Amino acid sequence: MSDYPTAHIPRVAGVRPARHRRPAPGDADAVDLSALLAEYRQVAGQRRHHRRAAPETETPASTINGTDVLATPIRTPTARTTLAPAATPAKSRAGRNLPAAIGVSLGLGAAIIASLFIYRPSFVGIAILAVAVGIYELVTAIRTVEARPSLIPLLVGGVSMDVAAWYRGTGGLVVALLVTVCGVMIWRLADGASGYLRDVSASVFVLIYVPLLAGFAVLLTHPDDGAARVLAFIGTVVCSDTGGYSTGVLFGKHPLAPVVSKGKTWEGFVGSVAACCGCGALIMTLTFHEVWWKGALFGLAIVVTATLGDLGESMIKRDLGLKDMGRLLPGHGGIMDRLDSLLPCAAVAYLVLSAFAPV
């Protein structure tokens, strides 16, 4: 029997002790040092000793399942320097970019005034361009539902209607409308019978809403004082929009038509009536040398028509599920979002001025 204790392992010549042997990769007896370190760090009461990236605060020990353990340290992140967000453009109560809207309105107004006083037929060109863009926007919007208006005959016929209104007056406008309706009906035959009535009806609606009503603005330019008539019509509509907006923002509390438009109020409508009647009275007395009450009636007719036109287009957009008809004009939307009140007011202005201030 050996004299050495049983716990002592004798050294064998030429062989290293087992406790000094480095285990080979894949050896069953190899020890995973990473796992041991991880288990060591999870022992209750042990603290981690490493460089901290941020100041720490510790919570007192708590009891979990009857055992007191040290709660996990709560890290308090260091303060970070953040950049302030870029300033967003000022928006109106309706969610519009107000500076852009004012700039676009001033630019369009300057172009219209210059066209009327420098070369009157150029105003007809501006109207025809607006009609073409408006037809495209309205057809594109309607096509988001099942109806499929015919774009090409509508563009060709719509432009032809306003050109005929300039050269042939009301008779040319009506004849061009009838010819265009027949052209739309024939064009749609190629797509079959399915949805024929629906598509033709949508096309006729586009013709009446955009080029026919715009044709009355062209008719206003025919007389020698055509520039004054067009400016009276547009200026009164602008007073309706401006007076209604400013009064509605300051005093608006009672919705005018909440189902159609939540932004319009009775207070804003009263402001529009006051602004339009005052503007109409001044225009009628100073420009056309008529009695003031004719101008007040002219302004009243314009404000009612403008309000109904705006609500009508809002109803169309709600039915189609759209906020704007387009994105061409910053702060306004599309061309049709500006023509919504101008188009019906053009017809009313032509009829009222023809009766109150005949040529």
Protein backbone atom coordinates (compact mmCIF):
# COMPACT_ATOMS: atom_id res chain seq x y z
CA MET A 1 0.00 0.00 0.00
CA SER A 2 1.25 3.51 -0.82
CA ASP A 3 2.40 5.86 1.95
CA TYR A 4 0.86 8.85 0.18
CA PRO A 5 -2.63 10.04 1.04
CA THR A 6 -5.33 8.77 -1.27
CA ALA A 7 -6.10 12.32 -2.34
CA HIS A 8 -2.61 12.76 -3.74
CA ILE A 9 -1.99 11.75 -7.31
CA PRO A 10 1.60 10.62 -7.86
CA ARG A 11 3.59 12.29 -10.59
CA VAL A 12 4.36 9.99 -13.50
CA ALA A 13 7.54 10.69 -15.39
CA GLY A 14 6.91 12.34 -18.77
CA VAL A 15 3.20 13.05 -18.12
CA ARG A 16 1.78 16.39 -16.97
CA PRO A 17 -0.76 16.33 -14.17
CA ALA A 18 -4.39 16.23 -15.37
CA ARG A 19 -5.21 19.53 -13.70
CA HIS A 20 -2.64 21.30 -15.88
CA ARG A 21 -3.76 19.69 -19.16
CA ARG A 22 -5.39 22.12 -21.69
CA PRO A 23 -8.53 20.37 -23.04
CA ALA A 24 -8.67 19.91 -26.75
CA PRO A 25 -11.62 21.43 -28.72
CA GLY A 26 -14.59 19.09 -28.67
CA ASP A 27 -13.26 17.16 -25.65
CA ALA A 28 -16.09 15.89 -23.42
CA ASP A 29 -14.12 16.91 -20.34
CA ALA A 30 -13.57 20.46 -21.58
CA VAL A 31 -14.99 23.22 -19.40
CA ASP A 32 -16.92 26.13 -20.90
CA LEU A 33 -15.36 29.11 -19.12
CA SER A 34 -17.98 31.52 -20.56
CA ALA A 35 -20.81 29.50 -19.03
CA LEU A 36 -19.02 29.36 -15.68
CA LEU A 37 -18.49 33.12 -15.69
CA ALA A 38 -22.13 33.69 -16.54
CA GLU A 39 -23.27 31.45 -13.69
CA TYR A 40 -20.87 33.19 -11.37
CA ARG A 41 -22.27 36.58 -12.25
CA GLN A 42 -25.86 35.42 -11.54
CA VAL A 43 -25.09 34.32 -7.95
CA ALA A 44 -27.25 36.28 -5.54
CA GLY A 45 -25.39 39.01 -3.74
CA GLN A 46 -22.57 39.22 -6.28
CA ARG A 47 -21.85 42.58 -7.91
CA ARG A 48 -20.61 43.07 -11.43
CA HIS A 49 -17.36 44.92 -11.70
CA HIS A 50 -17.10 46.63 -15.06
CA ARG A 51 -16.84 50.10 -16.44
CA ARG A 52 -20.20 51.83 -16.42
CA ALA A 53 -21.34 53.70 -19.53
CA ALA A 54 -23.88 55.74 -17.56
CA PRO A 55 -24.60 56.55 -13.90
CA GLU A 56 -26.57 53.89 -12.06
CA THR A 57 -28.92 53.97 -9.15
CA GLU A 58 -29.80 50.84 -7.19
CA THR A 59 -33.09 49.86 -5.73
CA PRO A 60 -33.20 48.22 -2.31
CA ALA A 61 -33.39 44.46 -2.01
CA SER A 62 -36.79 42.96 -2.61
CA THR A 63 -38.33 39.60 -1.85
CA ILE A 64 -39.27 37.20 -4.64
CA ASN A 65 -40.78 33.83 -3.67
CA GLY A 66 -39.57 34.30 -0.10
CA THR A 67 -35.92 34.91 -1.07
CA ASP A 68 -34.22 38.27 -0.75
CA VAL A 69 -32.43 39.20 -3.93
CA LEU A 70 -30.74 42.34 -5.08
CA ALA A 71 -32.86 44.14 -7.63
CA THR A 72 -31.42 44.80 -11.03
CA PRO A 73 -29.69 48.19 -11.18
CA ILE A 74 -31.66 50.89 -12.93
CA ARG A 75 -29.61 52.74 -15.47
CA THR A 76 -30.12 56.44 -15.83
CA PRO A 77 -29.13 57.42 -19.38
CA THR A 78 -26.86 60.34 -19.80
CA ALA A 79 -28.29 63.51 -21.25
CA ARG A 80 -28.21 63.64 -25.00
CA THR A 81 -28.15 66.70 -27.15
CA THR A 82 -31.04 66.66 -29.59
CA LEU A 83 -31.60 68.97 -32.48
CA ALA A 84 -34.79 71.00 -32.51
CA PRO A 85 -37.20 69.92 -35.24
CA ALA A 86 -37.32 72.08 -38.32
CA ALA A 87 -39.97 74.74 -38.28
CA THR A 88 -43.10 73.63 -40.09
CA PRO A 89 -44.93 76.04 -42.40
CA ALA A 90 -47.71 78.01 -40.77
CA LYS A 91 -51.08 76.41 -41.34
CA SER A 92 -54.54 77.87 -41.22
CA ARG A 93 -57.42 76.59 -39.17
CA ALA A 94 -58.42 74.40 -42.12
CA GLY A 95 -54.98 72.77 -42.17
CA ARG A 96 -53.67 74.69 -45.15
CA ASN A 97 -50.24 76.20 -45.65
CA LEU A 98 -51.36 79.80 -45.24
CA PRO A 99 -48.27 81.62 -46.62
CA ALA A 100 -48.20 79.39 -49.69
CA ALA A 101 -51.95 79.86 -50.19
CA ILE A 102 -51.64 83.65 -50.03
CA GLY A 103 -48.68 83.65 -52.42
CA VAL A 104 -50.46 81.47 -54.97
CA SER A 105 -53.62 83.62 -54.75
CA LEU A 106 -51.65 86.83 -55.33
CA GLY A 107 -49.81 85.29 -58.28
CA LEU A 108 -53.00 84.07 -59.93
CA GLY A 109 -54.69 87.42 -59.32
CA ALA A 110 -51.81 89.31 -60.89
CA ALA A 111 -51.85 87.05 -63.96
CA ILE A 112 -55.61 87.53 -64.43
CA ILE A 113 -55.45 91.33 -64.07
CA ALA A 114 -52.52 91.57 -66.48
CA SER A 115 -54.28 89.40 -69.06
CA LEU A 116 -57.45 91.51 -68.90
CA PHE A 117 -55.79 94.89 -69.35
CA ILE A 118 -52.86 93.99 -71.59
CA TYR A 119 -54.44 91.56 -74.06
CA ARG A 120 -57.97 90.42 -73.31
CA PRO A 121 -57.90 87.19 -75.37
CA SER A 122 -55.08 85.98 -73.12
CA PHE A 123 -57.62 85.74 -70.30
CA VAL A 124 -59.55 83.30 -72.47
CA GLY A 125 -56.33 81.29 -72.79
CA ILE A 126 -55.93 81.22 -69.00
CA ALA A 127 -59.56 80.11 -68.63
CA ILE A 128 -59.12 77.34 -71.22
CA LEU A 129 -55.96 76.09 -69.50
CA ALA A 130 -57.75 76.03 -66.15
CA VAL A 131 -60.66 74.15 -67.74
CA ALA A 132 -58.35 71.50 -69.21
CA VAL A 133 -56.58 70.93 -65.87
CA GLY A 134 -59.90 70.95 -64.03
CA ILE A 135 -61.36 68.31 -66.36
CA TYR A 136 -58.31 66.12 -65.86
CA GLU A 137 -58.50 66.43 -62.05
CA LEU A 138 -62.22 65.75 -61.92
CA VAL A 139 -62.03 62.75 -64.25
CA THR A 140 -59.12 61.32 -62.26
CA ALA A 141 -61.06 61.77 -59.03
CA ILE A 142 -64.22 60.16 -60.40
CA ARG A 143 -62.23 57.18 -61.65
CA THR A 144 -61.37 56.29 -58.07
CA VAL A 145 -64.88 54.84 -57.93
CA GLU A 146 -66.58 52.64 -60.53
CA ALA A 147 -67.44 55.39 -63.05
CA ARG A 148 -65.08 55.83 -66.04
CA PRO A 149 -65.60 59.18 -67.80
CA SER A 150 -63.97 59.45 -71.24
CA LEU A 151 -61.01 61.79 -70.77
CA ILE A 152 -59.97 62.48 -74.39
CA PRO A 153 -63.37 63.58 -75.77
CA LEU A 154 -63.95 65.60 -72.59
CA LEU A 155 -60.68 67.49 -73.02
CA VAL A 156 -61.23 68.14 -76.71
CA GLY A 157 -64.89 69.03 -76.32
CA GLY A 158 -64.39 71.14 -73.19
CA VAL A 159 -61.72 73.31 -74.79
CA SER A 160 -63.84 73.62 -77.95
CA MET A 161 -66.82 74.81 -75.90
CA ASP A 162 -64.92 77.76 -74.42
CA VAL A 163 -63.32 78.65 -77.74
CA ALA A 164 -66.80 78.65 -79.30
CA ALA A 165 -68.06 80.85 -76.46
CA TRP A 166 -65.36 83.42 -77.28
CA TYR A 167 -66.02 83.46 -81.02
CA ARG A 168 -69.76 82.66 -81.21
CA GLY A 169 -71.20 83.71 -77.87
CA THR A 170 -73.92 81.80 -76.02
CA GLY A 171 -75.12 80.04 -79.18
CA GLY A 172 -71.67 78.67 -79.92
CA LEU A 173 -71.31 77.49 -76.30
CA VAL A 174 -74.59 75.55 -76.39
CA VAL A 175 -73.96 73.99 -79.81
CA ALA A 176 -70.46 72.90 -78.76
CA LEU A 177 -71.94 71.32 -75.62
CA LEU A 178 -74.44 69.28 -77.63
CA VAL A 179 -71.80 68.13 -80.10
CA THR A 180 -69.47 67.12 -77.28
CA VAL A 181 -72.19 65.10 -75.54
CA CYS A 182 -72.84 63.20 -78.78
CA GLY A 183 -69.12 62.62 -79.18
CA VAL A 184 -68.84 61.23 -75.65
CA MET A 185 -71.73 58.83 -76.26
CA ILE A 186 -70.19 57.55 -79.48
CA TRP A 187 -66.69 57.26 -77.95
CA ARG A 188 -68.02 55.14 -75.08
CA LEU A 189 -69.58 52.57 -77.45
CA ALA A 190 -66.19 50.93 -77.98
CA ASP A 191 -66.06 49.78 -74.32
CA GLY A 192 -69.23 47.70 -74.42
CA ALA A 193 -72.62 47.92 -72.77
CA SER A 194 -71.49 47.26 -69.20
CA GLY A 195 -71.60 50.56 -67.27
CA TYR A 196 -72.47 52.59 -70.38
CA LEU A 197 -75.14 54.78 -68.76
CA ARG A 198 -73.00 55.30 -65.67
CA ASP A 199 -69.93 56.42 -67.62
CA VAL A 200 -71.84 58.68 -70.03
CA SER A 201 -73.68 60.32 -67.13
CA ALA A 202 -70.39 61.03 -65.38
CA SER A 203 -68.97 62.52 -68.57
CA VAL A 204 -71.98 64.80 -69.05
CA PHE A 205 -71.67 65.93 -65.43
CA VAL A 206 -68.04 66.88 -66.03
CA LEU A 207 -68.99 68.85 -69.16
CA ILE A 208 -71.67 70.84 -67.37
CA TYR A 209 -69.69 71.41 -64.19
CA VAL A 210 -66.42 72.61 -65.71
CA PRO A 211 -66.39 73.87 -69.33
CA LEU A 212 -70.02 74.99 -69.53
CA LEU A 213 -69.88 77.10 -66.37
CA ALA A 214 -66.42 78.39 -67.29
CA GLY A 215 -67.88 79.46 -70.64
CA PHE A 216 -69.90 82.16 -68.83
CA ALA A 217 -66.65 83.68 -67.57
CA VAL A 218 -65.52 83.83 -71.21
CA LEU A 219 -68.84 85.45 -72.15
CA LEU A 220 -68.27 88.17 -69.54
CA THR A 221 -65.23 89.40 -71.51
CA HIS A 222 -67.17 90.10 -74.74
CA PRO A 223 -68.49 93.65 -74.05
CA ASP A 224 -66.24 96.68 -74.18
CA ASP A 225 -66.24 96.78 -70.38
CA GLY A 226 -65.57 93.06 -70.21
CA ALA A 227 -62.48 93.52 -68.04
CA ALA A 228 -64.53 95.37 -65.42
CA ARG A 229 -67.22 92.68 -65.49
CA VAL A 230 -64.74 89.87 -64.98
CA LEU A 231 -63.00 91.74 -62.15
CA ALA A 232 -66.38 92.49 -60.52
CA PHE A 233 -67.26 88.80 -60.62
CA ILE A 234 -63.89 87.54 -59.34
CA GLY A 235 -63.47 90.33 -56.77
CA THR A 236 -66.86 89.65 -55.20
CA VAL A 237 -66.11 85.93 -54.96
CA VAL A 238 -62.79 86.74 -53.28
CA CYS A 239 -64.63 88.97 -50.80
CA SER A 240 -66.95 86.07 -50.05
CA ASP A 241 -64.05 83.73 -49.30
CA THR A 242 -62.04 86.30 -47.34
CA GLY A 243 -64.95 87.66 -45.32
CA GLY A 244 -66.23 84.20 -44.50
CA TYR A 245 -62.80 82.91 -43.50
CA SER A 246 -61.83 85.84 -41.27
CA THR A 247 -65.22 86.06 -39.54
CA GLY A 248 -65.40 82.29 -39.11
CA VAL A 249 -61.95 82.12 -37.51
CA LEU A 250 -62.71 84.96 -35.10
CA PHE A 251 -66.33 84.30 -34.18
CA GLY A 252 -67.37 80.98 -35.75
CA LYS A 253 -69.19 78.67 -33.32
CA HIS A 254 -72.31 77.36 -35.07
CA PRO A 255 -71.70 74.98 -38.01
CA LEU A 256 -73.45 75.88 -41.22
CA ALA A 257 -73.56 72.38 -42.71
CA PRO A 258 -71.73 69.96 -40.37
CA VAL A 259 -72.59 66.93 -42.48
CA VAL A 260 -70.84 68.42 -45.53
CA SER A 261 -68.19 70.80 -44.18
CA LYS A 262 -67.21 71.20 -40.53
CA GLY A 263 -65.23 74.39 -41.18
CA LYS A 264 -68.11 76.58 -42.37
CA THR A 265 -70.14 78.42 -39.75
CA TRP A 266 -73.14 80.69 -39.73
CA GLU A 267 -70.96 83.49 -38.37
CA GLY A 268 -68.63 83.07 -41.35
CA PHE A 269 -71.60 83.13 -43.73
CA VAL A 270 -72.80 86.41 -42.21
CA GLY A 271 -69.32 87.84 -42.72
CA SER A 272 -69.38 86.71 -46.35
CA VAL A 273 -72.76 88.35 -46.89
CA ALA A 274 -71.58 91.65 -45.41
CA ALA A 275 -68.35 91.67 -47.42
CA CYS A 276 -70.03 90.73 -50.72
CA CYS A 277 -72.90 93.19 -50.38
CA GLY A 278 -70.52 96.02 -49.58
CA CYS A 279 -68.18 95.10 -52.43
CA GLY A 280 -71.07 94.71 -54.87
CA ALA A 281 -72.56 98.08 -53.93
CA LEU A 282 -69.24 99.83 -54.46
CA ILE A 283 -68.60 98.13 -57.78
CA MET A 284 -72.07 98.79 -59.12
CA THR A 285 -72.02 102.50 -58.22
CA LEU A 286 -68.41 103.33 -59.08
CA THR A 287 -67.89 101.10 -62.13
CA PHE A 288 -71.27 100.63 -63.78
CA HIS A 289 -72.90 103.83 -62.41
CA GLU A 290 -76.00 102.03 -61.17
CA VAL A 291 -77.90 102.33 -57.88
CA TRP A 292 -76.29 100.78 -54.85
CA TRP A 293 -79.06 98.30 -54.07
CA LYS A 294 -78.42 96.55 -57.38
CA GLY A 295 -74.86 95.99 -56.26
CA ALA A 296 -76.06 94.68 -52.89
CA LEU A 297 -78.34 92.21 -54.65
CA PHE A 298 -75.48 91.23 -56.94
CA GLY A 299 -73.26 90.57 -53.91
CA LEU A 300 -76.01 88.58 -52.19
CA ALA A 301 -76.50 86.40 -55.26
CA ILE A 302 -72.75 85.80 -55.49
CA VAL A 303 -72.31 84.86 -51.84
CA VAL A 304 -75.20 82.38 -51.89
CA THR A 305 -73.93 80.80 -55.11
CA ALA A 306 -70.32 80.68 -53.90
CA THR A 307 -71.34 79.01 -50.64
CA LEU A 308 -73.48 76.44 -52.41
CA GLY A 309 -70.72 75.79 -54.93
CA ASP A 310 -68.17 75.25 -52.17
CA LEU A 311 -70.50 72.91 -50.29
CA GLY A 312 -71.30 71.06 -53.51
CA GLU A 313 -67.66 70.34 -54.24
CA SER A 314 -67.13 69.32 -50.61
CA MET A 315 -69.94 66.81 -51.01
CA ILE A 316 -68.33 65.44 -54.18
CA LYS A 317 -64.99 65.01 -52.41
CA ARG A 318 -66.65 63.32 -49.45
CA ASP A 319 -68.42 60.93 -51.78
CA LEU A 320 -65.13 60.12 -53.51
CA GLY A 321 -63.18 59.92 -50.23
CA LEU A 322 -60.77 62.74 -51.14
CA LYS A 323 -59.46 65.76 -49.27
CA ASP A 324 -58.31 67.68 -52.35
CA MET A 325 -58.89 67.25 -56.06
CA GLY A 326 -55.19 67.64 -56.80
CA ARG A 327 -51.85 69.04 -55.61
CA LEU A 328 -51.02 71.56 -58.30
CA LEU A 329 -51.48 74.69 -56.18
CA PRO A 330 -49.56 74.77 -52.86
CA GLY A 331 -51.82 75.69 -49.99
CA HIS A 332 -54.98 75.19 -52.07
CA GLY A 333 -54.90 71.69 -53.50
CA GLY A 334 -55.90 71.37 -57.12
CA ILE A 335 -57.38 73.71 -59.71
CA MET A 336 -60.86 72.38 -58.94
CA ASP A 337 -60.40 73.33 -55.28
CA ARG A 338 -60.20 76.97 -56.45
CA LEU A 339 -62.83 76.75 -59.17
CA ASP A 340 -65.48 75.25 -56.89
CA SER A 341 -67.06 78.64 -56.12
CA LEU A 342 -65.90 80.54 -59.21
CA LEU A 343 -67.58 78.25 -61.74
CA PRO A 344 -71.22 78.58 -60.60
CA CYS A 345 -70.68 82.25 -59.74
CA ALA A 346 -69.58 82.94 -63.33
CA ALA A 347 -73.02 81.94 -64.62
CA VAL A 348 -74.84 83.96 -61.93
CA ALA A 349 -72.62 87.01 -62.50
CA TYR A 350 -73.27 86.88 -66.24
CA LEU A 351 -77.04 86.73 -65.76
CA VAL A 352 -77.25 89.40 -63.00
CA LEU A 353 -74.91 91.85 -64.70
CA SER A 354 -76.75 91.41 -67.99
CA ALA A 355 -79.97 92.42 -66.18
CA PHE A 356 -78.62 95.17 -63.88
CA ALA A 357 -75.88 96.66 -66.09
CA PRO A 358 -76.84 95.95 -69.71
CA VAL A 359 -74.34 96.75 -72.43
